PDB file of N, CA and C in Angstrom:
ATOM      1  N   UNK A   1       0.817  -1.188   0.000  1.00  0.00           N
ATOM      2  CA  UNK A   1       0.000   0.000   0.000  1.00  0.00           C
ATOM      3  C   UNK A   1       0.863   1.255   0.000  1.00  0.00           C
ATOM      4  N   UNK A   2       2.118   1.128   0.200  1.00  0.00           N
ATOM      5  CA  UNK A   2       3.030   2.264   0.240  1.00  0.00           C
ATOM      6  C   UNK A   2       3.159   2.983  -1.098  1.00  0.00           C
ATOM      7  N   UNK A   3       3.183   2.296  -2.276  1.00  0.00           N
ATOM      8  CA  UNK A   3       3.309   3.015  -3.545  1.00  0.00           C
ATOM      9  C   UNK A   3       2.082   3.869  -3.896  1.00  0.00           C
ATOM     10  N   UNK A   4       0.942   3.580  -3.315  1.00  0.00           N
ATOM     11  CA  UNK A   4      -0.276   4.325  -3.626  1.00  0.00           C
ATOM     12  C   UNK A   4      -0.219   5.726  -3.022  1.00  0.00           C
ATOM     13  N   UNK A   5       0.395   5.876  -1.884  1.00  0.00           N
ATOM     14  CA  UNK A   5       0.439   7.165  -1.194  1.00  0.00           C
ATOM     15  C   UNK A   5       1.157   8.231  -2.019  1.00  0.00           C
ATOM     16  N   UNK A   6       2.326   7.990  -2.608  1.00  0.00           N
ATOM     17  CA  UNK A   6       2.960   9.051  -3.399  1.00  0.00           C
ATOM     18  C   UNK A   6       2.125   9.474  -4.615  1.00  0.00           C
ATOM     19  N   UNK A   7       1.456   8.540  -5.269  1.00  0.00           N
ATOM     20  CA  UNK A   7       0.614   8.885  -6.418  1.00  0.00           C
ATOM     21  C   UNK A   7      -0.545   9.766  -5.960  1.00  0.00           C
ATOM     22  N   UNK A   8      -1.128   9.424  -4.826  1.00  0.00           N
ATOM     23  CA  UNK A   8      -2.211  10.229  -4.268  1.00  0.00           C
ATOM     24  C   UNK A   8      -1.721  11.635  -3.939  1.00  0.00           C
ATOM     25  N   UNK A   9      -0.543  11.727  -3.344  1.00  0.00           N
ATOM     26  CA  UNK A   9       0.010  13.033  -2.986  1.00  0.00           C
ATOM     27  C   UNK A   9       0.324  13.870  -4.220  1.00  0.00           C
ATOM     28  N   UNK A  10       0.791  13.231  -5.287  1.00  0.00           N
ATOM     29  CA  UNK A  10       1.043  13.960  -6.535  1.00  0.00           C
ATOM     30  C   UNK A  10      -0.275  14.507  -7.082  1.00  0.00           C
ATOM     31  N   UNK A  11      -1.320  13.715  -6.997  1.00  0.00           N
ATOM     32  CA  UNK A  11      -2.630  14.176  -7.452  1.00  0.00           C
ATOM     33  C   UNK A  11      -3.145  15.345  -6.646  1.00  0.00           C
ATOM     34  N   UNK A  12      -3.010  15.262  -5.322  1.00  0.00           N
ATOM     35  CA  UNK A  12      -3.467  16.345  -4.453  1.00  0.00           C
ATOM     36  C   UNK A  12      -2.650  17.607  -4.687  1.00  0.00           C
ATOM     37  N   UNK A  13      -1.347  17.447  -4.876  1.00  0.00           N
ATOM     38  CA  UNK A  13      -0.481  18.608  -5.075  1.00  0.00           C
ATOM     39  C   UNK A  13      -0.712  19.263  -6.433  1.00  0.00           C
ATOM     40  N   UNK A  14      -1.051  18.466  -7.439  1.00  0.00           N
ATOM     41  CA  UNK A  14      -1.211  19.032  -8.779  1.00  0.00           C
ATOM     42  C   UNK A  14      -2.634  19.541  -9.053  1.00  0.00           C
ATOM     43  N   UNK A  15      -3.585  19.275  -8.176  1.00  0.00           N
ATOM     44  CA  UNK A  15      -4.975  19.687  -8.399  1.00  0.00           C
ATOM     45  C   UNK A  15      -5.122  21.196  -8.572  1.00  0.00           C
ATOM     46  N   UNK A  16      -4.529  22.032  -7.728  1.00  0.00           N
ATOM     47  CA  UNK A  16      -4.678  23.485  -7.943  1.00  0.00           C
ATOM     48  C   UNK A  16      -4.089  23.952  -9.273  1.00  0.00           C
ATOM     49  N   UNK A  17      -2.972  23.350  -9.680  1.00  0.00           N
ATOM     50  CA  UNK A  17      -2.362  23.722 -10.955  1.00  0.00           C
ATOM     51  C   UNK A  17      -3.264  23.309 -12.117  1.00  0.00           C
ATOM     52  N   UNK A  18      -3.791  22.098 -12.050  1.00  0.00           N
ATOM     53  CA  UNK A  18      -4.691  21.636 -13.110  1.00  0.00           C
ATOM     54  C   UNK A  18      -5.963  22.486 -13.157  1.00  0.00           C
ATOM     55  N   UNK A  19      -6.431  22.908 -11.994  1.00  0.00           N
ATOM     56  CA  UNK A  19      -7.626  23.754 -11.957  1.00  0.00           C
ATOM     57  C   UNK A  19      -7.376  25.061 -12.699  1.00  0.00           C
ATOM     58  N   UNK A  20      -6.201  25.633 -12.505  1.00  0.00           N
ATOM     59  CA  UNK A  20      -5.867  26.887 -13.186  1.00  0.00           C
ATOM     60  C   UNK A  20      -5.720  26.686 -14.688  1.00  0.00           C
ATOM     61  N   UNK A  21      -5.277  25.507 -15.105  1.00  0.00           N
ATOM     62  CA  UNK A  21      -5.105  25.242 -16.534  1.00  0.00           C
ATOM     63  C   UNK A  21      -6.418  24.857 -17.212  1.00  0.00           C
ATOM     64  N   UNK A  22      -7.249  24.118 -16.509  1.00  0.00           N
ATOM     65  CA  UNK A  22      -8.480  23.605 -17.117  1.00  0.00           C
ATOM     66  C   UNK A  22      -9.588  24.657 -17.131  1.00  0.00           C
ATOM     67  N   UNK A  23      -9.617  25.547 -16.159  1.00  0.00           N
ATOM     68  CA  UNK A  23     -10.687  26.545 -16.061  1.00  0.00           C
ATOM     69  C   UNK A  23     -10.854  27.373 -17.337  1.00  0.00           C
ATOM     70  N   UNK A  24      -9.779  27.910 -17.943  1.00  0.00           N
ATOM     71  CA  UNK A  24      -9.971  28.680 -19.182  1.00  0.00           C
ATOM     72  C   UNK A  24     -10.525  27.834 -20.333  1.00  0.00           C
ATOM     73  N   UNK A  25     -10.140  26.574 -20.376  1.00  0.00           N
ATOM     74  CA  UNK A  25     -10.643  25.697 -21.442  1.00  0.00           C
ATOM     75  C   UNK A  25     -12.142  25.466 -21.263  1.00  0.00           C
ATOM     76  N   UNK A  26     -12.547  25.166 -20.042  1.00  0.00           N
ATOM     77  CA  UNK A  26     -13.970  24.939 -19.776  1.00  0.00           C
ATOM     78  C   UNK A  26     -14.760  26.225 -20.006  1.00  0.00           C
ATOM     79  N   UNK A  27     -14.211  27.342 -19.569  1.00  0.00           N
ATOM     80  CA  UNK A  27     -14.894  28.623 -19.758  1.00  0.00           C
ATOM     81  C   UNK A  27     -15.068  28.935 -21.247  1.00  0.00           C
ATOM     82  N   UNK A  28     -14.042  28.690 -22.046  1.00  0.00           N
ATOM     83  CA  UNK A  28     -14.139  28.912 -23.487  1.00  0.00           C
ATOM     84  C   UNK A  28     -15.177  28.014 -24.130  1.00  0.00           C
ATOM     85  N   UNK A  29     -15.246  26.767 -23.669  1.00  0.00           N
ATOM     86  CA  UNK A  29     -16.234  25.833 -24.204  1.00  0.00           C
ATOM     87  C   UNK A  29     -17.653  26.299 -23.879  1.00  0.00           C
ATOM     88  N   UNK A  30     -17.862  26.704 -22.643  1.00  0.00           N
ATOM     89  CA  UNK A  30     -19.192  27.181 -22.243  1.00  0.00           C
ATOM     90  C   UNK A  30     -19.552  28.456 -23.000  1.00  0.00           C
ATOM     91  N   UNK A  31     -18.597  29.356 -23.150  1.00  0.00           N
ATOM     92  CA  UNK A  31     -18.841  30.611 -23.868  1.00  0.00           C
ATOM     93  C   UNK A  31     -19.230  30.335 -25.321  1.00  0.00           C
ATOM     94  N   UNK A  32     -18.523  29.402 -25.966  1.00  0.00           N
ATOM     95  CA  UNK A  32     -18.849  29.048 -27.349  1.00  0.00           C
ATOM     96  C   UNK A  32     -20.232  28.423 -27.442  1.00  0.00           C
ATOM     97  N   UNK A  33     -20.575  27.578 -26.474  1.00  0.00           N
ATOM     98  CA  UNK A  33     -21.885  26.932 -26.480  1.00  0.00           C
ATOM     99  C   UNK A  33     -23.006  27.951 -26.311  1.00  0.00           C
ATOM    100  N   UNK A  34     -22.803  28.912 -25.423  1.00  0.00           N
ATOM    101  CA  UNK A  34     -23.824  29.944 -25.208  1.00  0.00           C
ATOM    102  C   UNK A  34     -23.991  30.790 -26.465  1.00  0.00           C
ATOM    103  N   UNK A  35     -22.881  31.145 -27.100  1.00  0.00           N
ATOM    104  CA  UNK A  35     -22.953  31.944 -28.326  1.00  0.00           C
ATOM    105  C   UNK A  35     -23.667  31.171 -29.436  1.00  0.00           C
ATOM    106  N   UNK A  36     -23.368  29.881 -29.554  1.00  0.00           N
ATOM    107  CA  UNK A  36     -24.023  29.051 -30.558  1.00  0.00           C
ATOM    108  C   UNK A  36     -25.524  28.973 -30.297  1.00  0.00           C
ATOM    109  N   UNK A  37     -25.917  28.818 -29.034  1.00  0.00           N
ATOM    110  CA  UNK A  37     -27.338  28.756 -28.695  1.00  0.00           C
ATOM    111  C   UNK A  37     -28.035  30.077 -29.009  1.00  0.00           C
ATOM    112  N   UNK A  38     -27.379  31.191 -28.731  1.00  0.00           N
ATOM    113  CA  UNK A  38     -27.973  32.498 -29.033  1.00  0.00           C
ATOM    114  C   UNK A  38     -28.129  32.697 -30.537  1.00  0.00           C
ATOM    115  N   UNK A  39     -27.146  32.258 -31.308  1.00  0.00           N
ATOM    116  CA  UNK A  39     -27.245  32.365 -32.765  1.00  0.00           C
ATOM    117  C   UNK A  39     -28.380  31.497 -33.297  1.00  0.00           C
ATOM    118  N   UNK A  40     -28.515  30.282 -32.759  1.00  0.00           N
ATOM    119  CA  UNK A  40     -29.591  29.395 -33.193  1.00  0.00           C
ATOM    120  C   UNK A  40     -30.954  29.998 -32.858  1.00  0.00           C
ATOM    121  N   UNK A  41     -31.064  30.613 -31.694  1.00  0.00           N
ATOM    122  CA  UNK A  41     -32.320  31.244 -31.301  1.00  0.00           C
ATOM    123  C   UNK A  41     -32.649  32.412 -32.226  1.00  0.00           C
ATOM    124  N   UNK A  42     -31.647  33.193 -32.603  1.00  0.00           N
ATOM    125  CA  UNK A  42     -31.858  34.328 -33.502  1.00  0.00           C
ATOM    126  C   UNK A  42     -32.334  33.842 -34.870  1.00  0.00           C
ATOM    127  N   UNK A  43     -31.698  32.792 -35.381  1.00  0.00           N
ATOM    128  CA  UNK A  43     -32.076  32.252 -36.691  1.00  0.00           C
ATOM    129  C   UNK A  43     -33.505  31.709 -36.648  1.00  0.00           C
ATOM    130  N   UNK A  44     -33.854  31.010 -35.572  1.00  0.00           N
ATOM    131  CA  UNK A  44     -35.212  30.481 -35.445  1.00  0.00           C
ATOM    132  C   UNK A  44     -36.233  31.618 -35.402  1.00  0.00           C
ATOM    133  N   UNK A  45     -35.895  32.701 -34.738  1.00  0.00           N
ATOM    134  CA  UNK A  45     -36.796  33.858 -34.673  1.00  0.00           C
ATOM    135  C   UNK A  45     -36.983  34.477 -36.056  1.00  0.00           C
ATOM    136  N   UNK A  46     -35.898  34.585 -36.821  1.00  0.00           N
ATOM    137  CA  UNK A  46     -35.997  35.140 -38.176  1.00  0.00           C
ATOM    138  C   UNK A  46     -36.859  34.253 -39.068  1.00  0.00           C
ATOM    139  N   UNK A  47     -36.699  32.944 -38.945  1.00  0.00           N
ATOM    140  CA  UNK A  47     -37.509  32.022 -39.747  1.00  0.00           C
ATOM    141  C   UNK A  47     -38.980  32.155 -39.366  1.00  0.00           C
ATOM    142  N   UNK A  48     -39.257  32.281 -38.076  1.00  0.00           N
ATOM    143  CA  UNK A  48     -40.636  32.453 -37.623  1.00  0.00           C
ATOM    144  C   UNK A  48     -41.238  33.736 -38.193  1.00  0.00           C
ATOM    145  N   UNK A  49     -40.471  34.808 -38.213  1.00  0.00           N
ATOM    146  CA  UNK A  49     -40.961  36.066 -38.790  1.00  0.00           C
ATOM    147  C   UNK A  49     -41.258  35.902 -40.275  1.00  0.00           C
ATOM    148  N   UNK A  50     -40.370  35.213 -40.996  1.00  0.00           N
ATOM    149  CA  UNK A  50     -40.588  34.997 -42.427  1.00  0.00           C
ATOM    150  C   UNK A  50     -41.861  34.191 -42.670  1.00  0.00           C
ATOM    151  N   UNK A  51     -42.072  33.139 -41.872  1.00  0.00           N
ATOM    152  CA  UNK A  51     -43.277  32.330 -42.041  1.00  0.00           C
ATOM    153  C   UNK A  51     -44.536  33.133 -41.703  1.00  0.00           C
ATOM    154  N   UNK A  52     -44.454  33.987 -40.707  1.00  0.00           N
ATOM    155  CA  UNK A  52     -45.601  34.837 -40.367  1.00  0.00           C
ATOM    156  C   UNK A  52     -45.909  35.805 -41.503  1.00  0.00           C
ATOM    157  N   UNK A  53     -44.868  36.352 -42.118  1.00  0.00           N
ATOM    158  CA  UNK A  53     -45.065  37.251 -43.259  1.00  0.00           C
ATOM    159  C   UNK A  53     -45.722  36.521 -44.423  1.00  0.00           C
ATOM    160  N   UNK A  54     -45.264  35.311 -44.692  1.00  0.00           N
ATOM    161  CA  UNK A  54     -45.838  34.525 -45.791  1.00  0.00           C
ATOM    162  C   UNK A  54     -47.306  34.223 -45.508  1.00  0.00           C
ATOM    163  N   UNK A  55     -47.626  33.860 -44.265  1.00  0.00           N
ATOM    164  CA  UNK A  55     -49.017  33.570 -43.908  1.00  0.00           C
ATOM    165  C   UNK A  55     -49.885  34.816 -44.051  1.00  0.00           C
ATOM    166  N   UNK A  56     -49.371  35.966 -43.655  1.00  0.00           N
ATOM    167  CA  UNK A  56     -50.135  37.210 -43.783  1.00  0.00           C
ATOM    168  C   UNK A  56     -50.367  37.554 -45.252  1.00  0.00           C
ATOM    169  N   UNK A  57     -49.353  37.361 -46.082  1.00  0.00           N
ATOM    170  CA  UNK A  57     -49.505  37.633 -47.516  1.00  0.00           C
ATOM    171  C   UNK A  57     -50.531  36.695 -48.138  1.00  0.00           C
ATOM    172  N   UNK A  58     -50.496  35.423 -47.767  1.00  0.00           N
ATOM    173  CA  UNK A  58     -51.454  34.461 -48.315  1.00  0.00           C
ATOM    174  C   UNK A  58     -52.874  34.813 -47.886  1.00  0.00           C
ATOM    175  N   UNK A  59     -53.045  35.230 -46.642  1.00  0.00           N
ATOM    176  CA  UNK A  59     -54.367  35.632 -46.163  1.00  0.00           C
ATOM    177  C   UNK A  59     -54.864  36.856 -46.919  1.00  0.00           C
ATOM    178  N   UNK A  60     -53.990  37.819 -47.125  1.00  0.00           N
ATOM    179  CA  UNK A  60     -54.374  39.026 -47.857  1.00  0.00           C
ATOM    180  C   UNK A  60     -54.753  38.691 -49.295  1.00  0.00           C
ATOM    181  N   UNK A  61     -54.007  37.796 -49.918  1.00  0.00           N
ATOM    182  CA  UNK A  61     -54.334  37.396 -51.293  1.00  0.00           C
ATOM    183  C   UNK A  61     -55.672  36.670 -51.347  1.00  0.00           C
ATOM    184  N   UNK A  62     -55.967  35.842 -50.344  1.00  0.00           N
ATOM    185  CA  UNK A  62     -57.245  35.126 -50.325  1.00  0.00           C
ATOM    186  C   UNK A  62     -58.399  36.105 -50.168  1.00  0.00           C
ATOM    187  N   UNK A  63     -58.275  37.087 -49.288  1.00  0.00           N
ATOM    188  CA  UNK A  63     -59.326  38.092 -49.128  1.00  0.00           C
ATOM    189  C   UNK A  63     -59.474  38.926 -50.392  1.00  0.00           C
ATOM    190  N   UNK A  64     -58.365  39.263 -51.040  1.00  0.00           N
ATOM    191  CA  UNK A  64     -58.430  40.039 -52.278  1.00  0.00           C
ATOM    192  C   UNK A  64     -59.129  39.239 -53.368  1.00  0.00           C
ATOM    193  N   UNK A  65     -58.862  37.948 -53.432  1.00  0.00           N
ATOM    194  CA  UNK A  65     -59.520  37.103 -54.435  1.00  0.00           C
ATOM    195  C   UNK A  65     -61.017  37.031 -54.170  1.00  0.00           C
ATOM    196  N   UNK A  66     -61.412  36.964 -52.899  1.00  0.00           N
ATOM    197  CA  UNK A  66     -62.841  36.948 -52.572  1.00  0.00           C
ATOM    198  C   UNK A  66     -63.510  38.256 -52.977  1.00  0.00           C
ATOM    199  N   UNK A  67     -62.834  39.366 -52.776  1.00  0.00           N
ATOM    200  CA  UNK A  67     -63.409  40.657 -53.157  1.00  0.00           C
ATOM    201  C   UNK A  67     -63.536  40.782 -54.666  1.00  0.00           C
ATOM    202  N   UNK A  68     -62.593  40.223 -55.405  1.00  0.00           N
ATOM    203  CA  UNK A  68     -62.656  40.289 -56.863  1.00  0.00           C
ATOM    204  C   UNK A  68     -63.770  39.410 -57.406  1.00  0.00           C
ATOM    205  N   UNK A  69     -64.144  38.365 -56.652  1.00  0.00           N
ATOM    206  CA  UNK A  69     -65.226  37.488 -57.097  1.00  0.00           C
ATOM    207  C   UNK A  69     -66.588  38.162 -56.982  1.00  0.00           C
ATOM    208  N   UNK A  70     -66.631  39.316 -56.350  1.00  0.00           N
ATOM    209  CA  UNK A  70     -67.879  40.060 -56.294  1.00  0.00           C
ATOM    210  C   UNK A  70     -68.597  39.982 -54.968  1.00  0.00           C
ATOM    211  N   UNK A  71     -68.082  39.280 -54.035  1.00  0.00           N
ATOM    212  CA  UNK A  71     -68.773  39.224 -52.746  1.00  0.00           C
ATOM    213  C   UNK A  71     -68.519  40.519 -51.985  1.00  0.00           C
ATOM    214  N   UNK A  72     -69.528  40.933 -51.228  1.00  0.00           N
ATOM    215  CA  UNK A  72     -69.414  42.188 -50.479  1.00  0.00           C
ATOM    216  C   UNK A  72     -68.417  42.071 -49.331  1.00  0.00           C
ATOM    217  N   UNK A  73     -68.481  40.976 -48.646  1.00  0.00           N
ATOM    218  CA  UNK A  73     -67.617  40.770 -47.484  1.00  0.00           C
ATOM    219  C   UNK A  73     -66.806  39.503 -47.727  1.00  0.00           C
ATOM    220  N   UNK A  74     -65.524  39.562 -47.536  1.00  0.00           N
ATOM    221  CA  UNK A  74     -64.728  38.350 -47.728  1.00  0.00           C
ATOM    222  C   UNK A  74     -65.170  37.263 -46.769  1.00  0.00           C
ATOM    223  N   UNK A  75     -65.174  36.043 -47.268  1.00  0.00           N
ATOM    224  CA  UNK A  75     -65.582  34.940 -46.391  1.00  0.00           C
ATOM    225  C   UNK A  75     -64.507  34.726 -45.334  1.00  0.00           C
ATOM    226  N   UNK A  76     -64.959  34.262 -44.218  1.00  0.00           N
ATOM    227  CA  UNK A  76     -64.033  34.022 -43.126  1.00  0.00           C
ATOM    228  C   UNK A  76     -64.165  32.559 -42.738  1.00  0.00           C
ATOM    229  N   UNK A  77     -63.048  31.880 -42.735  1.00  0.00           N
ATOM    230  CA  UNK A  77     -63.097  30.470 -42.384  1.00  0.00           C
ATOM    231  C   UNK A  77     -63.251  30.339 -40.884  1.00  0.00           C
ATOM    232  N   UNK A  78     -64.037  29.373 -40.484  1.00  0.00           N
ATOM    233  CA  UNK A  78     -64.232  29.130 -39.059  1.00  0.00           C
ATOM    234  C   UNK A  78     -63.792  27.719 -38.739  1.00  0.00           C
ATOM    235  N   UNK A  79     -63.338  27.545 -37.520  1.00  0.00           N
ATOM    236  CA  UNK A  79     -62.931  26.217 -37.077  1.00  0.00           C
ATOM    237  C   UNK A  79     -64.170  25.444 -36.663  1.00  0.00           C
ATOM    238  N   UNK A  80     -64.139  24.150 -36.912  1.00  0.00           N
ATOM    239  CA  UNK A  80     -65.245  23.313 -36.484  1.00  0.00           C
ATOM    240  C   UNK A  80     -65.202  23.172 -34.972  1.00  0.00           C
ATOM    241  N   UNK A  81     -66.366  23.177 -34.372  1.00  0.00           N
ATOM    242  CA  UNK A  81     -66.439  23.024 -32.922  1.00  0.00           C
ATOM    243  C   UNK A  81     -66.084  21.593 -32.551  1.00  0.00           C
ATOM    244  N   UNK A  82     -65.294  21.470 -31.512  1.00  0.00           N
ATOM    245  CA  UNK A  82     -64.917  20.146 -31.039  1.00  0.00           C
ATOM    246  C   UNK A  82     -66.032  19.617 -30.156  1.00  0.00           C
ATOM    247  N   UNK A  83     -66.326  18.340 -30.263  1.00  0.00           N
ATOM    248  CA  UNK A  83     -67.379  17.787 -29.406  1.00  0.00           C
ATOM    249  C   UNK A  83     -66.953  17.869 -27.942  1.00  0.00           C
ATOM    250  N   UNK A  84     -67.913  18.174 -27.092  1.00  0.00           N
ATOM    251  CA  UNK A  84     -67.592  18.296 -25.671  1.00  0.00           C
ATOM    252  C   UNK A  84     -67.385  16.919 -25.073  1.00  0.00           C
ATOM    253  N   UNK A  85     -66.690  16.879 -23.963  1.00  0.00           N
ATOM    254  CA  UNK A  85     -66.411  15.599 -23.319  1.00  0.00           C
ATOM    255  C   UNK A  85     -67.683  15.004 -22.727  1.00  0.00           C
ATOM    256  N   UNK A  86     -68.683  15.837 -22.399  1.00  0.00           N
ATOM    257  CA  UNK A  86     -69.945  15.336 -21.854  1.00  0.00           C
ATOM    258  C   UNK A  86     -70.709  14.546 -22.910  1.00  0.00           C
ATOM    259  N   UNK A  87     -70.599  14.944 -24.171  1.00  0.00           N
ATOM    260  CA  UNK A  87     -71.296  14.239 -25.241  1.00  0.00           C
ATOM    261  C   UNK A  87     -70.680  12.873 -25.484  1.00  0.00           C
ATOM    262  N   UNK A  88     -69.401  12.733 -25.205  1.00  0.00           N
ATOM    263  CA  UNK A  88     -68.718  11.459 -25.419  1.00  0.00           C
ATOM    264  C   UNK A  88     -68.965  10.483 -24.283  1.00  0.00           C
ATOM    265  N   UNK A  89     -69.382  10.968 -23.124  1.00  0.00           N
ATOM    266  CA  UNK A  89     -69.540  10.093 -21.957  1.00  0.00           C
ATOM    267  C   UNK A  89     -70.831   9.329 -21.991  1.00  0.00           C
TER     268      UNK A  89
END
Protein backbone atom coordinates (compact mmCIF):
# COMPACT_ATOMS: atom_id res chain seq x y z
CA UNK A 1 0.00 0.00 0.00
CA UNK A 2 3.03 2.26 0.24
CA UNK A 3 3.31 3.01 -3.54
CA UNK A 4 -0.28 4.33 -3.63
CA UNK A 5 0.44 7.17 -1.19
CA UNK A 6 2.96 9.05 -3.40
CA UNK A 7 0.61 8.89 -6.42
CA UNK A 8 -2.21 10.23 -4.27
CA UNK A 9 0.01 13.03 -2.99
CA UNK A 10 1.04 13.96 -6.54
CA UNK A 11 -2.63 14.18 -7.45
CA UNK A 12 -3.47 16.34 -4.45
CA UNK A 13 -0.48 18.61 -5.07
CA UNK A 14 -1.21 19.03 -8.78
CA UNK A 15 -4.97 19.69 -8.40
CA UNK A 16 -4.68 23.49 -7.94
CA UNK A 17 -2.36 23.72 -10.95
CA UNK A 18 -4.69 21.64 -13.11
CA UNK A 19 -7.63 23.75 -11.96
CA UNK A 20 -5.87 26.89 -13.19
CA UNK A 21 -5.11 25.24 -16.53
CA UNK A 22 -8.48 23.61 -17.12
CA UNK A 23 -10.69 26.55 -16.06
CA UNK A 24 -9.97 28.68 -19.18
CA UNK A 25 -10.64 25.70 -21.44
CA UNK A 26 -13.97 24.94 -19.78
CA UNK A 27 -14.89 28.62 -19.76
CA UNK A 28 -14.14 28.91 -23.49
CA UNK A 29 -16.23 25.83 -24.20
CA UNK A 30 -19.19 27.18 -22.24
CA UNK A 31 -18.84 30.61 -23.87
CA UNK A 32 -18.85 29.05 -27.35
CA UNK A 33 -21.89 26.93 -26.48
CA UNK A 34 -23.82 29.94 -25.21
CA UNK A 35 -22.95 31.94 -28.33
CA UNK A 36 -24.02 29.05 -30.56
CA UNK A 37 -27.34 28.76 -28.70
CA UNK A 38 -27.97 32.50 -29.03
CA UNK A 39 -27.25 32.36 -32.77
CA UNK A 40 -29.59 29.39 -33.19
CA UNK A 41 -32.32 31.24 -31.30
CA UNK A 42 -31.86 34.33 -33.50
CA UNK A 43 -32.08 32.25 -36.69
CA UNK A 44 -35.21 30.48 -35.44
CA UNK A 45 -36.80 33.86 -34.67
CA UNK A 46 -36.00 35.14 -38.18
CA UNK A 47 -37.51 32.02 -39.75
CA UNK A 48 -40.64 32.45 -37.62
CA UNK A 49 -40.96 36.07 -38.79
CA UNK A 50 -40.59 35.00 -42.43
CA UNK A 51 -43.28 32.33 -42.04
CA UNK A 52 -45.60 34.84 -40.37
CA UNK A 53 -45.07 37.25 -43.26
CA UNK A 54 -45.84 34.52 -45.79
CA UNK A 55 -49.02 33.57 -43.91
CA UNK A 56 -50.13 37.21 -43.78
CA UNK A 57 -49.50 37.63 -47.52
CA UNK A 58 -51.45 34.46 -48.31
CA UNK A 59 -54.37 35.63 -46.16
CA UNK A 60 -54.37 39.03 -47.86
CA UNK A 61 -54.33 37.40 -51.29
CA UNK A 62 -57.25 35.13 -50.33
CA UNK A 63 -59.33 38.09 -49.13
CA UNK A 64 -58.43 40.04 -52.28
CA UNK A 65 -59.52 37.10 -54.43
CA UNK A 66 -62.84 36.95 -52.57
CA UNK A 67 -63.41 40.66 -53.16
CA UNK A 68 -62.66 40.29 -56.86
CA UNK A 69 -65.23 37.49 -57.10
CA UNK A 70 -67.88 40.06 -56.29
CA UNK A 71 -68.77 39.22 -52.75
CA UNK A 72 -69.41 42.19 -50.48
CA UNK A 73 -67.62 40.77 -47.48
CA UNK A 74 -64.73 38.35 -47.73
CA UNK A 75 -65.58 34.94 -46.39
CA UNK A 76 -64.03 34.02 -43.13
CA UNK A 77 -63.10 30.47 -42.38
CA UNK A 78 -64.23 29.13 -39.06
CA UNK A 79 -62.93 26.22 -37.08
CA UNK A 80 -65.24 23.31 -36.48
CA UNK A 81 -66.44 23.02 -32.92
CA UNK A 82 -64.92 20.15 -31.04
CA UNK A 83 -67.38 17.79 -29.41
CA UNK A 84 -67.59 18.30 -25.67
CA UNK A 85 -66.41 15.60 -23.32
CA UNK A 86 -69.94 15.34 -21.85
CA UNK A 87 -71.30 14.24 -25.24
CA UNK A 88 -68.72 11.46 -25.42
CA UNK A 89 -69.54 10.09 -21.96
